[in-house]
Amino acid sequence: METVINNNRKVYAIQKEFNTLFPNLKIQFYAKPANPNGEHSPKLITKSSKSLKDCRAIHEEGIIEILPSMTIAELKSRFSDTYGLFIEINHISTDGTEQNPIDENLTLGENNEH
């Protein structure tokens, strides 16, 4: 799956694309860091109608490829290193709530099957 990253994209659009490929996982975005090289905010974006510009201090645009064979750690690194976006991946239980922990060393495909 290729996902376009730019300041105008809405969080919910990326979440929807991600959930289509990985129906048992949820991608969430952390709020914008205080500065471009700083750590992410401890606060997750709760309003999925926010734009990506509200989540990042680095405003690089491009396309990120998300593959079932990627580990969670690798995906997190690609989002943060290239686009200044910090993400969290969680399992979705049968009742729709998130469950932790998730094994970041397993692939997205493996985590989606658990």
N, C-alpha and C. Protein backbone atom coordinates (compact mmCIF):
# COMPACT_ATOMS: atom_id res chain seq x y z
N MET A 1 0.84 -1.16 0.00
CA MET A 1 0.00 0.00 0.00
C MET A 1 0.89 1.23 0.00
N GLU A 2 0.60 2.17 -0.86
CA GLU A 2 1.31 3.43 -0.88
C GLU A 2 0.39 4.52 -0.34
N THR A 3 0.89 5.29 0.59
CA THR A 3 0.12 6.34 1.23
C THR A 3 0.79 7.68 1.00
N VAL A 4 0.03 8.64 0.52
CA VAL A 4 0.53 9.99 0.28
C VAL A 4 0.62 10.72 1.61
N ILE A 5 1.77 11.37 1.82
CA ILE A 5 1.98 12.16 3.04
C ILE A 5 2.17 13.61 2.62
N ASN A 6 1.26 14.47 3.08
CA ASN A 6 1.41 15.92 2.90
C ASN A 6 0.63 16.61 4.00
N ASN A 7 0.83 17.90 4.14
CA ASN A 7 0.22 18.64 5.25
C ASN A 7 -1.30 18.67 5.21
N ASN A 8 -1.89 18.49 4.03
CA ASN A 8 -3.34 18.58 3.91
C ASN A 8 -4.07 17.27 4.17
N ARG A 9 -3.35 16.16 4.18
CA ARG A 9 -4.00 14.86 4.44
C ARG A 9 -4.58 14.84 5.85
N LYS A 10 -5.73 14.25 5.96
CA LYS A 10 -6.38 14.10 7.26
C LYS A 10 -5.95 12.79 7.91
N VAL A 11 -5.87 12.80 9.21
CA VAL A 11 -5.49 11.60 9.97
C VAL A 11 -6.43 10.45 9.65
N TYR A 12 -7.74 10.74 9.58
CA TYR A 12 -8.70 9.66 9.35
C TYR A 12 -8.51 9.00 7.99
N ALA A 13 -8.03 9.73 6.99
CA ALA A 13 -7.82 9.14 5.66
C ALA A 13 -6.72 8.09 5.71
N ILE A 14 -5.66 8.40 6.42
CA ILE A 14 -4.56 7.43 6.55
C ILE A 14 -5.01 6.25 7.41
N GLN A 15 -5.76 6.53 8.47
CA GLN A 15 -6.26 5.45 9.32
C GLN A 15 -7.16 4.50 8.54
N LYS A 16 -7.99 5.06 7.67
CA LYS A 16 -8.89 4.24 6.86
C LYS A 16 -8.11 3.36 5.88
N GLU A 17 -7.13 3.95 5.20
CA GLU A 17 -6.29 3.17 4.27
C GLU A 17 -5.57 2.04 5.02
N PHE A 18 -5.00 2.37 6.16
CA PHE A 18 -4.26 1.40 6.95
C PHE A 18 -5.19 0.26 7.40
N ASN A 19 -6.38 0.62 7.87
CA ASN A 19 -7.33 -0.37 8.39
C ASN A 19 -7.86 -1.28 7.29
N THR A 20 -7.89 -0.80 6.05
CA THR A 20 -8.31 -1.64 4.94
C THR A 20 -7.33 -2.80 4.75
N LEU A 21 -6.04 -2.52 4.86
CA LEU A 21 -5.02 -3.54 4.70
C LEU A 21 -4.82 -4.37 5.97
N PHE A 22 -4.97 -3.73 7.12
CA PHE A 22 -4.75 -4.39 8.41
C PHE A 22 -5.97 -4.18 9.31
N PRO A 23 -7.04 -4.95 9.10
CA PRO A 23 -8.29 -4.71 9.83
C PRO A 23 -8.22 -4.96 11.33
N ASN A 24 -7.20 -5.66 11.80
CA ASN A 24 -7.07 -5.94 13.23
C ASN A 24 -6.09 -5.01 13.94
N LEU A 25 -5.59 -4.01 13.20
CA LEU A 25 -4.64 -3.05 13.77
C LEU A 25 -5.16 -1.64 13.59
N LYS A 26 -4.70 -0.76 14.46
CA LYS A 26 -5.08 0.65 14.38
C LYS A 26 -3.82 1.50 14.42
N ILE A 27 -3.73 2.47 13.52
CA ILE A 27 -2.62 3.41 13.52
C ILE A 27 -3.12 4.71 14.14
N GLN A 28 -2.33 5.26 15.06
CA GLN A 28 -2.65 6.52 15.70
C GLN A 28 -1.44 7.43 15.60
N PHE A 29 -1.68 8.73 15.61
CA PHE A 29 -0.63 9.71 15.48
C PHE A 29 -0.49 10.52 16.76
N TYR A 30 0.77 10.76 17.13
CA TYR A 30 1.05 11.62 18.28
C TYR A 30 0.98 13.08 17.86
N ALA A 31 0.69 13.95 18.81
CA ALA A 31 0.66 15.39 18.56
C ALA A 31 2.04 15.89 18.16
N LYS A 32 2.08 17.06 17.59
CA LYS A 32 3.32 17.67 17.10
C LYS A 32 4.34 17.83 18.21
N PRO A 33 5.60 17.49 17.91
CA PRO A 33 6.67 17.71 18.91
C PRO A 33 6.92 19.20 19.09
N ALA A 34 7.55 19.55 20.18
CA ALA A 34 7.83 20.95 20.48
C ALA A 34 8.78 21.59 19.46
N ASN A 35 9.71 20.80 18.91
CA ASN A 35 10.61 21.31 17.88
C ASN A 35 10.93 20.17 16.91
N PRO A 36 11.45 20.52 15.72
CA PRO A 36 11.66 19.49 14.69
C PRO A 36 12.52 18.30 15.11
N ASN A 37 13.48 18.49 15.99
CA ASN A 37 14.34 17.39 16.39
C ASN A 37 13.97 16.81 17.75
N GLY A 38 12.86 17.27 18.30
CA GLY A 38 12.47 16.84 19.63
C GLY A 38 11.71 15.53 19.62
N GLU A 39 11.50 15.01 20.82
CA GLU A 39 10.71 13.79 20.96
C GLU A 39 9.24 14.12 20.74
N HIS A 40 8.48 13.10 20.39
CA HIS A 40 7.06 13.33 20.16
C HIS A 40 6.35 13.67 21.45
N SER A 41 5.22 14.30 21.31
CA SER A 41 4.38 14.60 22.46
C SER A 41 3.87 13.28 23.03
N PRO A 42 3.62 13.22 24.33
CA PRO A 42 3.05 11.99 24.89
C PRO A 42 1.55 11.86 24.56
N LYS A 43 0.99 12.89 23.94
CA LYS A 43 -0.45 12.95 23.67
C LYS A 43 -0.77 12.45 22.26
N LEU A 44 -1.70 11.51 22.16
CA LEU A 44 -2.16 11.03 20.86
C LEU A 44 -3.25 11.97 20.33
N ILE A 45 -3.27 12.11 19.01
CA ILE A 45 -4.33 12.90 18.37
C ILE A 45 -5.63 12.13 18.52
N THR A 46 -6.64 12.74 19.11
CA THR A 46 -7.91 12.05 19.31
C THR A 46 -8.94 12.44 18.26
N LYS A 47 -8.77 13.59 17.63
CA LYS A 47 -9.69 14.03 16.59
C LYS A 47 -9.09 13.64 15.24
N SER A 48 -9.66 12.62 14.63
CA SER A 48 -9.11 12.13 13.37
C SER A 48 -9.33 13.09 12.21
N SER A 49 -10.07 14.17 12.44
CA SER A 49 -10.28 15.16 11.39
C SER A 49 -9.12 16.15 11.28
N LYS A 50 -8.15 16.03 12.18
CA LYS A 50 -6.96 16.89 12.13
C LYS A 50 -6.14 16.57 10.89
N SER A 51 -5.42 17.58 10.40
CA SER A 51 -4.52 17.40 9.27
C SER A 51 -3.16 16.95 9.77
N LEU A 52 -2.37 16.34 8.88
CA LEU A 52 -1.03 15.90 9.27
C LEU A 52 -0.16 17.07 9.73
N LYS A 53 -0.42 18.27 9.23
CA LYS A 53 0.38 19.42 9.67
C LYS A 53 0.24 19.66 11.17
N ASP A 54 -0.85 19.18 11.76
CA ASP A 54 -1.06 19.31 13.21
C ASP A 54 -0.30 18.27 14.01
N CYS A 55 0.34 17.33 13.31
CA CYS A 55 1.01 16.21 13.98
C CYS A 55 2.52 16.25 13.84
N ARG A 56 3.06 17.17 13.07
CA ARG A 56 4.49 17.10 12.78
C ARG A 56 5.16 18.45 12.67
N ALA A 57 6.45 18.45 12.93
CA ALA A 57 7.25 19.66 12.82
C ALA A 57 8.08 19.66 11.53
N ILE A 58 8.32 18.49 10.95
CA ILE A 58 9.01 18.36 9.66
C ILE A 58 7.94 18.23 8.59
N HIS A 59 7.99 19.09 7.59
CA HIS A 59 6.91 19.13 6.61
C HIS A 59 7.31 18.59 5.24
N GLU A 60 8.03 17.49 5.25
CA GLU A 60 8.42 16.78 4.03
C GLU A 60 7.18 16.12 3.43
N GLU A 61 7.07 16.14 2.10
CA GLU A 61 5.97 15.48 1.42
C GLU A 61 6.48 14.30 0.62
N GLY A 62 5.62 13.32 0.40
CA GLY A 62 6.02 12.17 -0.39
C GLY A 62 5.05 11.02 -0.24
N ILE A 63 5.54 9.84 -0.53
CA ILE A 63 4.74 8.62 -0.46
C ILE A 63 5.47 7.62 0.43
N ILE A 64 4.73 7.04 1.34
CA ILE A 64 5.29 6.01 2.20
C ILE A 64 4.64 4.68 1.81
N GLU A 65 5.48 3.67 1.64
CA GLU A 65 4.98 2.35 1.30
C GLU A 65 4.85 1.55 2.59
N ILE A 66 3.67 0.99 2.80
CA ILE A 66 3.39 0.19 3.99
C ILE A 66 3.11 -1.23 3.52
N LEU A 67 3.96 -2.15 3.95
CA LEU A 67 3.88 -3.54 3.50
C LEU A 67 3.64 -4.49 4.67
N PRO A 68 2.89 -5.57 4.46
CA PRO A 68 2.69 -6.56 5.52
C PRO A 68 3.99 -7.15 6.05
N SER A 69 5.05 -7.13 5.24
CA SER A 69 6.33 -7.72 5.66
C SER A 69 7.18 -6.78 6.51
N MET A 70 6.75 -5.54 6.70
CA MET A 70 7.48 -4.57 7.53
C MET A 70 7.20 -4.83 9.00
N THR A 71 8.22 -4.63 9.84
CA THR A 71 7.97 -4.69 11.28
C THR A 71 7.35 -3.38 11.73
N ILE A 72 6.72 -3.41 12.88
CA ILE A 72 6.14 -2.20 13.46
C ILE A 72 7.26 -1.17 13.69
N ALA A 73 8.39 -1.64 14.21
CA ALA A 73 9.52 -0.74 14.47
C ALA A 73 9.99 -0.07 13.18
N GLU A 74 10.05 -0.82 12.10
CA GLU A 74 10.49 -0.25 10.82
C GLU A 74 9.50 0.80 10.32
N LEU A 75 8.21 0.52 10.44
CA LEU A 75 7.19 1.48 10.01
C LEU A 75 7.28 2.76 10.84
N LYS A 76 7.42 2.63 12.15
CA LYS A 76 7.54 3.80 13.01
C LYS A 76 8.76 4.64 12.61
N SER A 77 9.86 3.97 12.32
CA SER A 77 11.08 4.66 11.92
C SER A 77 10.90 5.41 10.60
N ARG A 78 10.24 4.80 9.64
CA ARG A 78 10.01 5.47 8.35
C ARG A 78 9.15 6.72 8.51
N PHE A 79 8.10 6.61 9.31
CA PHE A 79 7.24 7.76 9.54
C PHE A 79 8.01 8.89 10.23
N SER A 80 8.78 8.56 11.25
CA SER A 80 9.45 9.61 12.03
C SER A 80 10.67 10.18 11.31
N ASP A 81 11.50 9.33 10.74
CA ASP A 81 12.74 9.80 10.12
C ASP A 81 12.49 10.66 8.88
N THR A 82 11.55 10.26 8.06
CA THR A 82 11.32 10.96 6.79
C THR A 82 10.29 12.08 6.91
N TYR A 83 9.22 11.84 7.67
CA TYR A 83 8.10 12.78 7.68
C TYR A 83 7.86 13.49 9.01
N GLY A 84 8.66 13.17 10.02
CA GLY A 84 8.47 13.82 11.31
C GLY A 84 7.16 13.46 11.98
N LEU A 85 6.62 12.30 11.63
CA LEU A 85 5.37 11.82 12.21
C LEU A 85 5.66 10.68 13.17
N PHE A 86 5.09 10.76 14.34
CA PHE A 86 5.27 9.72 15.34
C PHE A 86 3.95 8.97 15.48
N ILE A 87 4.02 7.65 15.36
CA ILE A 87 2.81 6.84 15.34
C ILE A 87 2.83 5.78 16.43
N GLU A 88 1.67 5.24 16.68
CA GLU A 88 1.48 4.12 17.58
C GLU A 88 0.59 3.12 16.84
N ILE A 89 0.91 1.84 16.93
CA ILE A 89 0.09 0.79 16.34
C ILE A 89 -0.45 -0.06 17.48
N ASN A 90 -1.75 -0.31 17.45
CA ASN A 90 -2.40 -1.12 18.47
C ASN A 90 -3.24 -2.21 17.83
N HIS A 91 -3.45 -3.30 18.58
CA HIS A 91 -4.41 -4.31 18.16
C HIS A 91 -5.81 -3.77 18.41
N ILE A 92 -6.75 -4.21 17.60
CA ILE A 92 -8.16 -3.89 17.83
C ILE A 92 -8.83 -5.19 18.25
N SER A 93 -9.48 -5.17 19.39
CA SER A 93 -10.17 -6.38 19.86
C SER A 93 -11.51 -6.52 19.14
N THR A 94 -12.18 -7.63 19.38
CA THR A 94 -13.46 -7.88 18.72
C THR A 94 -14.52 -6.87 19.10
N ASP A 95 -14.39 -6.23 20.27
CA ASP A 95 -15.37 -5.21 20.66
C ASP A 95 -14.95 -3.81 20.19
N GLY A 96 -13.87 -3.71 19.41
CA GLY A 96 -13.45 -2.44 18.82
C GLY A 96 -12.51 -1.62 19.66
N THR A 97 -12.15 -2.09 20.84
CA THR A 97 -11.22 -1.33 21.67
C THR A 97 -9.79 -1.77 21.36
N GLU A 98 -8.85 -0.90 21.65
CA GLU A 98 -7.45 -1.23 21.41
C GLU A 98 -6.91 -2.11 22.53
N GLN A 99 -5.95 -2.94 22.18
CA GLN A 99 -5.31 -3.78 23.17
C GLN A 99 -3.81 -3.63 23.03
N ASN A 100 -3.14 -3.53 24.13
CA ASN A 100 -1.68 -3.51 24.16
C ASN A 100 -1.23 -4.73 24.93
N PRO A 101 -0.04 -5.16 24.90
CA PRO A 101 1.05 -4.62 24.08
C PRO A 101 1.05 -5.25 22.69
N ILE A 102 1.81 -4.65 21.81
CA ILE A 102 1.99 -5.16 20.47
C ILE A 102 3.48 -5.43 20.30
N ASP A 103 3.82 -6.48 19.63
CA ASP A 103 5.23 -6.83 19.45
C ASP A 103 5.79 -6.08 18.24
N GLU A 104 6.63 -5.09 18.50
CA GLU A 104 7.17 -4.25 17.44
C GLU A 104 8.19 -4.97 16.57
N ASN A 105 8.65 -6.14 16.99
CA ASN A 105 9.61 -6.90 16.20
C ASN A 105 8.93 -7.83 15.21
N LEU A 106 7.62 -8.05 15.38
CA LEU A 106 6.86 -8.84 14.42
C LEU A 106 6.45 -7.95 13.26
N THR A 107 6.13 -8.56 12.13
CA THR A 107 5.70 -7.79 10.97
C THR A 107 4.27 -7.31 11.18
N LEU A 108 3.86 -6.36 10.36
CA LEU A 108 2.49 -5.89 10.39
C LEU A 108 1.53 -7.04 10.10
N GLY A 109 1.89 -7.87 9.12
CA GLY A 109 1.05 -9.02 8.78
C GLY A 109 0.90 -9.99 9.94
N GLU A 110 2.00 -10.27 10.63
CA GLU A 110 1.96 -11.19 11.78
C GLU A 110 1.14 -10.60 12.91
N ASN A 111 1.32 -9.31 13.20
CA ASN A 111 0.55 -8.66 14.25
C ASN A 111 -0.94 -8.61 13.90
N ASN A 112 -1.24 -8.43 12.62
CA ASN A 112 -2.64 -8.37 12.20
C ASN A 112 -3.33 -9.71 12.40
N GLU A 113 -2.59 -10.81 12.29
CA GLU A 113 -3.17 -12.15 12.45
C GLU A 113 -3.36 -12.53 13.90
N HIS A 114 -2.67 -11.89 14.84
CA HIS A 114 -2.77 -12.25 16.27
C HIS A 114 -4.06 -11.73 16.86
